[in-house]
């Protein structure tokens, strides 16, 4: 499975959930231990274009640098985490 396909699969799985919360993050971390998952509001991402958009949330890709700082990236091959940005109601 390509990284792009895996990220799409993760987004589709999240979209099927009734609640996007810390309990879901725990389940996602158990199912996909190679990924880091973070939850925030879409307002916290600024004007960044999401990697994928779904009804109720966006997915952004997170890259960790060698210094340990995280940043958003549009490139799946550079990412080690997924930021789930909830849409405002």
PDB file of N, CA and C in Angstrom:
ATOM      1  N   UNK A   1       0.845  -1.172   0.000  1.00  0.00           N
ATOM      2  CA  UNK A   1       0.000   0.000   0.000  1.00  0.00           C
ATOM      3  C   UNK A   1       0.895   1.242   0.000  1.00  0.00           C
ATOM      4  N   UNK A   2       0.583   2.177  -0.865  1.00  0.00           N
ATOM      5  CA  UNK A   2       1.350   3.419  -0.918  1.00  0.00           C
ATOM      6  C   UNK A   2       0.989   4.305   0.268  1.00  0.00           C
ATOM      7  N   UNK A   3       1.868   5.245   0.582  1.00  0.00           N
ATOM      8  CA  UNK A   3       1.582   6.189   1.668  1.00  0.00           C
ATOM      9  C   UNK A   3       0.298   6.966   1.401  1.00  0.00           C
ATOM     10  N   UNK A   4       0.134   7.391   0.151  1.00  0.00           N
ATOM     11  CA  UNK A   4      -1.057   8.162  -0.206  1.00  0.00           C
ATOM     12  C   UNK A   4      -2.319   7.353   0.065  1.00  0.00           C
ATOM     13  N   UNK A   5      -2.294   6.075  -0.333  1.00  0.00           N
ATOM     14  CA  UNK A   5      -3.457   5.209  -0.135  1.00  0.00           C
ATOM     15  C   UNK A   5      -3.706   4.965   1.355  1.00  0.00           C
ATOM     16  N   UNK A   6      -2.640   4.766   2.110  1.00  0.00           N
ATOM     17  CA  UNK A   6      -2.793   4.546   3.544  1.00  0.00           C
ATOM     18  C   UNK A   6      -3.399   5.771   4.226  1.00  0.00           C
ATOM     19  N   UNK A   7      -2.961   6.963   3.840  1.00  0.00           N
ATOM     20  CA  UNK A   7      -3.512   8.193   4.423  1.00  0.00           C
ATOM     21  C   UNK A   7      -4.991   8.342   4.048  1.00  0.00           C
ATOM     22  N   UNK A   8      -5.343   8.027   2.818  1.00  0.00           N
ATOM     23  CA  UNK A   8      -6.750   8.064   2.400  1.00  0.00           C
ATOM     24  C   UNK A   8      -7.579   7.067   3.197  1.00  0.00           C
ATOM     25  N   UNK A   9      -7.029   5.878   3.428  1.00  0.00           N
ATOM     26  CA  UNK A   9      -7.717   4.853   4.208  1.00  0.00           C
ATOM     27  C   UNK A   9      -7.933   5.326   5.645  1.00  0.00           C
ATOM     28  N   UNK A  10      -6.927   5.946   6.219  1.00  0.00           N
ATOM     29  CA  UNK A  10      -7.040   6.498   7.571  1.00  0.00           C
ATOM     30  C   UNK A  10      -8.143   7.555   7.611  1.00  0.00           C
ATOM     31  N   UNK A  11      -8.148   8.468   6.646  1.00  0.00           N
ATOM     32  CA  UNK A  11      -9.185   9.499   6.597  1.00  0.00           C
ATOM     33  C   UNK A  11     -10.573   8.911   6.465  1.00  0.00           C
ATOM     34  N   UNK A  12     -10.725   7.905   5.622  1.00  0.00           N
ATOM     35  CA  UNK A  12     -12.033   7.257   5.446  1.00  0.00           C
ATOM     36  C   UNK A  12     -12.480   6.566   6.727  1.00  0.00           C
ATOM     37  N   UNK A  13     -11.530   5.948   7.411  1.00  0.00           N
ATOM     38  CA  UNK A  13     -11.864   5.283   8.683  1.00  0.00           C
ATOM     39  C   UNK A  13     -12.323   6.310   9.718  1.00  0.00           C
ATOM     40  N   UNK A  14     -11.627   7.432   9.808  1.00  0.00           N
ATOM     41  CA  UNK A  14     -12.022   8.479  10.751  1.00  0.00           C
ATOM     42  C   UNK A  14     -13.407   9.022  10.388  1.00  0.00           C
ATOM     43  N   UNK A  15     -13.659   9.196   9.095  1.00  0.00           N
ATOM     44  CA  UNK A  15     -14.941   9.750   8.633  1.00  0.00           C
ATOM     45  C   UNK A  15     -16.128   8.863   9.014  1.00  0.00           C
ATOM     46  N   UNK A  16     -15.891   7.595   9.230  1.00  0.00           N
ATOM     47  CA  UNK A  16     -16.972   6.667   9.593  1.00  0.00           C
ATOM     48  C   UNK A  16     -17.297   6.693  11.086  1.00  0.00           C
ATOM     49  N   UNK A  17     -16.467   7.356  11.862  1.00  0.00           N
ATOM     50  CA  UNK A  17     -16.655   7.391  13.318  1.00  0.00           C
ATOM     51  C   UNK A  17     -17.740   8.388  13.703  1.00  0.00           C
ATOM     52  N   UNK A  18     -18.439   8.089  14.793  1.00  0.00           N
ATOM     53  CA  UNK A  18     -19.487   9.001  15.260  1.00  0.00           C
ATOM     54  C   UNK A  18     -18.908  10.173  16.043  1.00  0.00           C
ATOM     55  N   UNK A  19     -17.717   9.991  16.629  1.00  0.00           N
ATOM     56  CA  UNK A  19     -17.076  11.071  17.385  1.00  0.00           C
ATOM     57  C   UNK A  19     -15.576  11.053  17.114  1.00  0.00           C
ATOM     58  N   UNK A  20     -15.033  12.228  16.877  1.00  0.00           N
ATOM     59  CA  UNK A  20     -13.591  12.365  16.697  1.00  0.00           C
ATOM     60  C   UNK A  20     -13.061  12.987  17.987  1.00  0.00           C
ATOM     61  N   UNK A  21     -12.458  12.141  18.817  1.00  0.00           N
ATOM     62  CA  UNK A  21     -12.021  12.565  20.144  1.00  0.00           C
ATOM     63  C   UNK A  21     -10.778  11.783  20.549  1.00  0.00           C
ATOM     64  N   UNK A  22     -10.362  11.946  21.791  1.00  0.00           N
ATOM     65  CA  UNK A  22      -9.150  11.271  22.275  1.00  0.00           C
ATOM     66  C   UNK A  22      -9.286   9.752  22.231  1.00  0.00           C
ATOM     67  N   UNK A  23     -10.483   9.234  22.454  1.00  0.00           N
ATOM     68  CA  UNK A  23     -10.690   7.785  22.380  1.00  0.00           C
ATOM     69  C   UNK A  23     -10.418   7.278  20.961  1.00  0.00           C
ATOM     70  N   UNK A  24     -10.863   8.034  19.973  1.00  0.00           N
ATOM     71  CA  UNK A  24     -10.576   7.663  18.582  1.00  0.00           C
ATOM     72  C   UNK A  24      -9.079   7.723  18.323  1.00  0.00           C
ATOM     73  N   UNK A  25      -8.422   8.764  18.809  1.00  0.00           N
ATOM     74  CA  UNK A  25      -6.971   8.860  18.617  1.00  0.00           C
ATOM     75  C   UNK A  25      -6.268   7.634  19.189  1.00  0.00           C
ATOM     76  N   UNK A  26      -6.695   7.175  20.336  1.00  0.00           N
ATOM     77  CA  UNK A  26      -6.099   5.979  20.944  1.00  0.00           C
ATOM     78  C   UNK A  26      -6.297   4.763  20.053  1.00  0.00           C
ATOM     79  N   UNK A  27      -7.478   4.610  19.495  1.00  0.00           N
ATOM     80  CA  UNK A  27      -7.735   3.478  18.592  1.00  0.00           C
ATOM     81  C   UNK A  27      -6.899   3.589  17.319  1.00  0.00           C
ATOM     82  N   UNK A  28      -6.758   4.808  16.796  1.00  0.00           N
ATOM     83  CA  UNK A  28      -5.966   4.997  15.578  1.00  0.00           C
ATOM     84  C   UNK A  28      -4.487   4.708  15.845  1.00  0.00           C
ATOM     85  N   UNK A  29      -4.005   5.125  16.997  1.00  0.00           N
ATOM     86  CA  UNK A  29      -2.604   4.866  17.354  1.00  0.00           C
ATOM     87  C   UNK A  29      -2.348   3.366  17.481  1.00  0.00           C
ATOM     88  N   UNK A  30      -3.319   2.637  18.009  1.00  0.00           N
ATOM     89  CA  UNK A  30      -3.170   1.180  18.128  1.00  0.00           C
ATOM     90  C   UNK A  30      -3.213   0.505  16.756  1.00  0.00           C
ATOM     91  N   UNK A  31      -4.071   1.005  15.882  1.00  0.00           N
ATOM     92  CA  UNK A  31      -4.213   0.407  14.545  1.00  0.00           C
ATOM     93  C   UNK A  31      -3.078   0.798  13.613  1.00  0.00           C
ATOM     94  N   UNK A  32      -2.513   1.978  13.801  1.00  0.00           N
ATOM     95  CA  UNK A  32      -1.449   2.499  12.933  1.00  0.00           C
ATOM     96  C   UNK A  32      -0.290   2.999  13.800  1.00  0.00           C
ATOM     97  N   UNK A  33       0.456   2.103  14.418  1.00  0.00           N
ATOM     98  CA  UNK A  33       1.514   2.523  15.353  1.00  0.00           C
ATOM     99  C   UNK A  33       2.657   3.301  14.704  1.00  0.00           C
ATOM    100  N   UNK A  34       2.791   3.226  13.411  1.00  0.00           N
ATOM    101  CA  UNK A  34       3.855   3.953  12.712  1.00  0.00           C
ATOM    102  C   UNK A  34       3.522   5.440  12.534  1.00  0.00           C
ATOM    103  N   UNK A  35       2.285   5.833  12.832  1.00  0.00           N
ATOM    104  CA  UNK A  35       1.840   7.215  12.674  1.00  0.00           C
ATOM    105  C   UNK A  35       1.631   7.873  14.029  1.00  0.00           C
ATOM    106  N   UNK A  36       1.892   9.160  14.089  1.00  0.00           N
ATOM    107  CA  UNK A  36       1.543   9.980  15.241  1.00  0.00           C
ATOM    108  C   UNK A  36       0.270  10.730  14.883  1.00  0.00           C
ATOM    109  N   UNK A  37      -0.692  10.706  15.759  1.00  0.00           N
ATOM    110  CA  UNK A  37      -1.967  11.369  15.521  1.00  0.00           C
ATOM    111  C   UNK A  37      -2.142  12.511  16.507  1.00  0.00           C
ATOM    112  N   UNK A  38      -2.608  13.650  15.977  1.00  0.00           N
ATOM    113  CA  UNK A  38      -2.872  14.834  16.789  1.00  0.00           C
ATOM    114  C   UNK A  38      -4.228  15.389  16.384  1.00  0.00           C
ATOM    115  N   UNK A  39      -4.949  15.907  17.347  1.00  0.00           N
ATOM    116  CA  UNK A  39      -6.277  16.468  17.125  1.00  0.00           C
ATOM    117  C   UNK A  39      -6.256  17.949  17.466  1.00  0.00           C
ATOM    118  N   UNK A  40      -6.860  18.773  16.604  1.00  0.00           N
ATOM    119  CA  UNK A  40      -6.958  20.203  16.868  1.00  0.00           C
ATOM    120  C   UNK A  40      -8.153  20.777  16.111  1.00  0.00           C
ATOM    121  N   UNK A  41      -8.353  22.062  16.245  1.00  0.00           N
ATOM    122  CA  UNK A  41      -9.373  22.787  15.501  1.00  0.00           C
ATOM    123  C   UNK A  41      -8.764  23.273  14.187  1.00  0.00           C
ATOM    124  N   UNK A  42      -9.578  23.391  13.164  1.00  0.00           N
ATOM    125  CA  UNK A  42      -9.064  23.906  11.894  1.00  0.00           C
ATOM    126  C   UNK A  42      -8.509  25.318  12.045  1.00  0.00           C
ATOM    127  N   UNK A  43      -8.999  26.061  13.034  1.00  0.00           N
ATOM    128  CA  UNK A  43      -8.492  27.408  13.289  1.00  0.00           C
ATOM    129  C   UNK A  43      -7.021  27.388  13.690  1.00  0.00           C
ATOM    130  N   UNK A  44      -6.567  26.283  14.277  1.00  0.00           N
ATOM    131  CA  UNK A  44      -5.181  26.170  14.723  1.00  0.00           C
ATOM    132  C   UNK A  44      -4.195  25.953  13.577  1.00  0.00           C
ATOM    133  N   UNK A  45      -4.695  25.646  12.382  1.00  0.00           N
ATOM    134  CA  UNK A  45      -3.805  25.384  11.250  1.00  0.00           C
ATOM    135  C   UNK A  45      -3.559  26.617  10.393  1.00  0.00           C
ATOM    136  N   UNK A  46      -4.197  27.720  10.718  1.00  0.00           N
ATOM    137  CA  UNK A  46      -4.011  28.937   9.931  1.00  0.00           C
ATOM    138  C   UNK A  46      -4.600  28.777   8.536  1.00  0.00           C
ATOM    139  N   UNK A  47      -3.908  29.294   7.582  1.00  0.00           N
ATOM    140  CA  UNK A  47      -4.373  29.271   6.194  1.00  0.00           C
ATOM    141  C   UNK A  47      -3.824  28.078   5.415  1.00  0.00           C
ATOM    142  N   UNK A  48      -3.310  27.102   6.108  1.00  0.00           N
ATOM    143  CA  UNK A  48      -2.711  25.941   5.447  1.00  0.00           C
ATOM    144  C   UNK A  48      -3.744  25.132   4.683  1.00  0.00           C
ATOM    145  N   UNK A  49      -3.381  24.719   3.486  1.00  0.00           N
ATOM    146  CA  UNK A  49      -4.220  23.852   2.666  1.00  0.00           C
ATOM    147  C   UNK A  49      -4.112  22.424   3.212  1.00  0.00           C
ATOM    148  N   UNK A  50      -5.236  21.757   3.490  1.00  0.00           N
ATOM    149  CA  UNK A  50      -5.156  20.397   4.010  1.00  0.00           C
ATOM    150  C   UNK A  50      -4.691  19.415   2.926  1.00  0.00           C
ATOM    151  N   UNK A  51      -4.149  18.308   3.378  1.00  0.00           N
ATOM    152  CA  UNK A  51      -3.780  17.239   2.437  1.00  0.00           C
ATOM    153  C   UNK A  51      -5.050  16.595   1.895  1.00  0.00           C
ATOM    154  N   UNK A  52      -6.014  16.338   2.783  1.00  0.00           N
ATOM    155  CA  UNK A  52      -7.315  15.795   2.396  1.00  0.00           C
ATOM    156  C   UNK A  52      -8.397  16.463   3.236  1.00  0.00           C
ATOM    157  N   UNK A  53      -9.567  16.635   2.654  1.00  0.00           N
ATOM    158  CA  UNK A  53     -10.712  17.177   3.382  1.00  0.00           C
ATOM    159  C   UNK A  53     -11.831  16.149   3.405  1.00  0.00           C
ATOM    160  N   UNK A  54     -12.499  16.086   4.541  1.00  0.00           N
ATOM    161  CA  UNK A  54     -13.645  15.207   4.717  1.00  0.00           C
ATOM    162  C   UNK A  54     -14.758  16.029   5.345  1.00  0.00           C
ATOM    163  N   UNK A  55     -15.931  15.462   5.422  1.00  0.00           N
ATOM    164  CA  UNK A  55     -17.046  16.139   6.058  1.00  0.00           C
ATOM    165  C   UNK A  55     -16.768  16.230   7.557  1.00  0.00           C
ATOM    166  N   UNK A  56     -16.508  17.423   8.050  1.00  0.00           N
ATOM    167  CA  UNK A  56     -16.291  17.638   9.468  1.00  0.00           C
ATOM    168  C   UNK A  56     -14.840  17.782   9.903  1.00  0.00           C
ATOM    169  N   UNK A  57     -13.896  17.423   9.035  1.00  0.00           N
ATOM    170  CA  UNK A  57     -12.484  17.527   9.420  1.00  0.00           C
ATOM    171  C   UNK A  57     -11.579  17.524   8.186  1.00  0.00           C
ATOM    172  N   UNK A  58     -10.358  17.989   8.410  1.00  0.00           N
ATOM    173  CA  UNK A  58      -9.297  17.945   7.397  1.00  0.00           C
ATOM    174  C   UNK A  58      -8.149  17.122   7.946  1.00  0.00           C
ATOM    175  N   UNK A  59      -7.367  16.558   7.038  1.00  0.00           N
ATOM    176  CA  UNK A  59      -6.129  15.890   7.421  1.00  0.00           C
ATOM    177  C   UNK A  59      -4.952  16.713   6.920  1.00  0.00           C
ATOM    178  N   UNK A  60      -4.022  16.984   7.806  1.00  0.00           N
ATOM    179  CA  UNK A  60      -2.769  17.634   7.473  1.00  0.00           C
ATOM    180  C   UNK A  60      -1.651  16.649   7.784  1.00  0.00           C
ATOM    181  N   UNK A  61      -0.571  16.744   7.055  1.00  0.00           N
ATOM    182  CA  UNK A  61       0.576  15.868   7.270  1.00  0.00           C
ATOM    183  C   UNK A  61       1.622  16.594   8.099  1.00  0.00           C
ATOM    184  N   UNK A  62       2.180  15.902   9.068  1.00  0.00           N
ATOM    185  CA  UNK A  62       3.150  16.489   9.989  1.00  0.00           C
ATOM    186  C   UNK A  62       4.508  15.849   9.765  1.00  0.00           C
ATOM    187  N   UNK A  63       5.513  16.700   9.697  1.00  0.00           N
ATOM    188  CA  UNK A  63       6.899  16.251   9.528  1.00  0.00           C
ATOM    189  C   UNK A  63       7.685  16.665  10.757  1.00  0.00           C
ATOM    190  N   UNK A  64       8.461  15.738  11.286  1.00  0.00           N
ATOM    191  CA  UNK A  64       9.358  16.059  12.381  1.00  0.00           C
ATOM    192  C   UNK A  64      10.747  16.300  11.809  1.00  0.00           C
ATOM    193  N   UNK A  65      11.365  17.394  12.218  1.00  0.00           N
ATOM    194  CA  UNK A  65      12.715  17.688  11.741  1.00  0.00           C
ATOM    195  C   UNK A  65      13.732  16.990  12.642  1.00  0.00           C
ATOM    196  N   UNK A  66      14.968  17.053  12.265  1.00  0.00           N
ATOM    197  CA  UNK A  66      16.034  16.451  13.062  1.00  0.00           C
ATOM    198  C   UNK A  66      16.183  17.137  14.414  1.00  0.00           C
ATOM    199  N   UNK A  67      15.668  18.360  14.541  1.00  0.00           N
ATOM    200  CA  UNK A  67      15.727  19.074  15.819  1.00  0.00           C
ATOM    201  C   UNK A  67      14.546  18.726  16.718  1.00  0.00           C
ATOM    202  N   UNK A  68      13.600  17.944  16.191  1.00  0.00           N
ATOM    203  CA  UNK A  68      12.437  17.562  16.977  1.00  0.00           C
ATOM    204  C   UNK A  68      11.242  18.473  16.811  1.00  0.00           C
ATOM    205  N   UNK A  69      11.394  19.553  16.061  1.00  0.00           N
ATOM    206  CA  UNK A  69      10.281  20.472  15.819  1.00  0.00           C
ATOM    207  C   UNK A  69       9.359  19.896  14.743  1.00  0.00           C
ATOM    208  N   UNK A  70       8.088  20.103  14.916  1.00  0.00           N
ATOM    209  CA  UNK A  70       7.107  19.612  13.949  1.00  0.00           C
ATOM    210  C   UNK A  70       6.679  20.742  13.021  1.00  0.00           C
ATOM    211  N   UNK A  71       6.374  20.381  11.785  1.00  0.00           N
ATOM    212  CA  UNK A  71       5.838  21.339  10.820  1.00  0.00           C
ATOM    213  C   UNK A  71       4.903  20.589   9.879  1.00  0.00           C
ATOM    214  N   UNK A  72       4.019  21.333   9.236  1.00  0.00           N
ATOM    215  CA  UNK A  72       3.125  20.727   8.258  1.00  0.00           C
ATOM    216  C   UNK A  72       3.844  20.614   6.925  1.00  0.00           C
ATOM    217  N   UNK A  73       3.544  19.542   6.209  1.00  0.00           N
ATOM    218  CA  UNK A  73       4.144  19.311   4.910  1.00  0.00           C
ATOM    219  C   UNK A  73       3.082  18.806   3.938  1.00  0.00           C
ATOM    220  N   UNK A  74       3.183  19.115   2.670  1.00  0.00           N
ATOM    221  CA  UNK A  74       2.247  18.558   1.696  1.00  0.00           C
ATOM    222  C   UNK A  74       2.715  17.207   1.141  1.00  0.00           C
ATOM    223  N   UNK A  75       3.885  16.752   1.556  1.00  0.00           N
ATOM    224  CA  UNK A  75       4.515  15.575   0.957  1.00  0.00           C
ATOM    225  C   UNK A  75       4.406  14.345   1.852  1.00  0.00           C
ATOM    226  N   UNK A  76       3.658  13.322   1.438  1.00  0.00           N
ATOM    227  CA  UNK A  76       3.508  12.107   2.248  1.00  0.00           C
ATOM    228  C   UNK A  76       4.839  11.443   2.595  1.00  0.00           C
ATOM    229  N   UNK A  77       5.791  11.469   1.698  1.00  0.00           N
ATOM    230  CA  UNK A  77       7.076  10.798   1.960  1.00  0.00           C
ATOM    231  C   UNK A  77       7.895  11.505   3.036  1.00  0.00           C
ATOM    232  N   UNK A  78       7.519  12.723   3.399  1.00  0.00           N
ATOM    233  CA  UNK A  78       8.220  13.469   4.445  1.00  0.00           C
ATOM    234  C   UNK A  78       7.509  13.398   5.794  1.00  0.00           C
ATOM    235  N   UNK A  79       6.316  12.830   5.827  1.00  0.00           N
ATOM    236  CA  UNK A  79       5.534  12.934   7.062  1.00  0.00           C
ATOM    237  C   UNK A  79       5.680  11.710   7.957  1.00  0.00           C
ATOM    238  N   UNK A  80       5.490  11.967   9.233  1.00  0.00           N
ATOM    239  CA  UNK A  80       5.504  10.904  10.227  1.00  0.00           C
ATOM    240  C   UNK A  80       4.259  10.982  11.105  1.00  0.00           C
ATOM    241  N   UNK A  81       3.413  11.949  10.829  1.00  0.00           N
ATOM    242  CA  UNK A  81       2.216  12.109  11.633  1.00  0.00           C
ATOM    243  C   UNK A  81       1.070  12.713  10.857  1.00  0.00           C
ATOM    244  N   UNK A  82      -0.108  12.580  11.450  1.00  0.00           N
ATOM    245  CA  UNK A  82      -1.330  13.093  10.831  1.00  0.00           C
ATOM    246  C   UNK A  82      -2.041  13.990  11.833  1.00  0.00           C
ATOM    247  N   UNK A  83      -2.328  15.191  11.415  1.00  0.00           N
ATOM    248  CA  UNK A  83      -3.062  16.166  12.209  1.00  0.00           C
ATOM    249  C   UNK A  83      -4.507  16.150  11.740  1.00  0.00           C
ATOM    250  N   UNK A  84      -5.404  15.872  12.653  1.00  0.00           N
ATOM    251  CA  UNK A  84      -6.833  15.883  12.350  1.00  0.00           C
ATOM    252  C   UNK A  84      -7.382  17.215  12.819  1.00  0.00           C
ATOM    253  N   UNK A  85      -7.779  18.055  11.879  1.00  0.00           N
ATOM    254  CA  UNK A  85      -8.260  19.406  12.191  1.00  0.00           C
ATOM    255  C   UNK A  85      -9.775  19.437  12.040  1.00  0.00           C
ATOM    256  N   UNK A  86     -10.464  19.562  13.169  1.00  0.00           N
ATOM    257  CA  UNK A  86     -11.918  19.568  13.174  1.00  0.00           C
ATOM    258  C   UNK A  86     -12.449  20.887  12.629  1.00  0.00           C
ATOM    259  N   UNK A  87     -13.454  20.791  11.765  1.00  0.00           N
ATOM    260  CA  UNK A  87     -14.117  21.988  11.245  1.00  0.00           C
ATOM    261  C   UNK A  87     -14.924  22.658  12.342  1.00  0.00           C
ATOM    262  N   UNK A  88     -15.010  23.956  12.299  1.00  0.00           N
ATOM    263  CA  UNK A  88     -15.827  24.705  13.252  1.00  0.00           C
ATOM    264  C   UNK A  88     -17.295  24.436  12.954  1.00  0.00           C
ATOM    265  N   UNK A  89     -18.080  24.403  13.980  1.00  0.00           N
ATOM    266  CA  UNK A  89     -19.515  24.113  13.821  1.00  0.00           C
ATOM    267  C   UNK A  89     -20.260  25.266  13.248  1.00  0.00           C
TER     268      UNK A  89
END
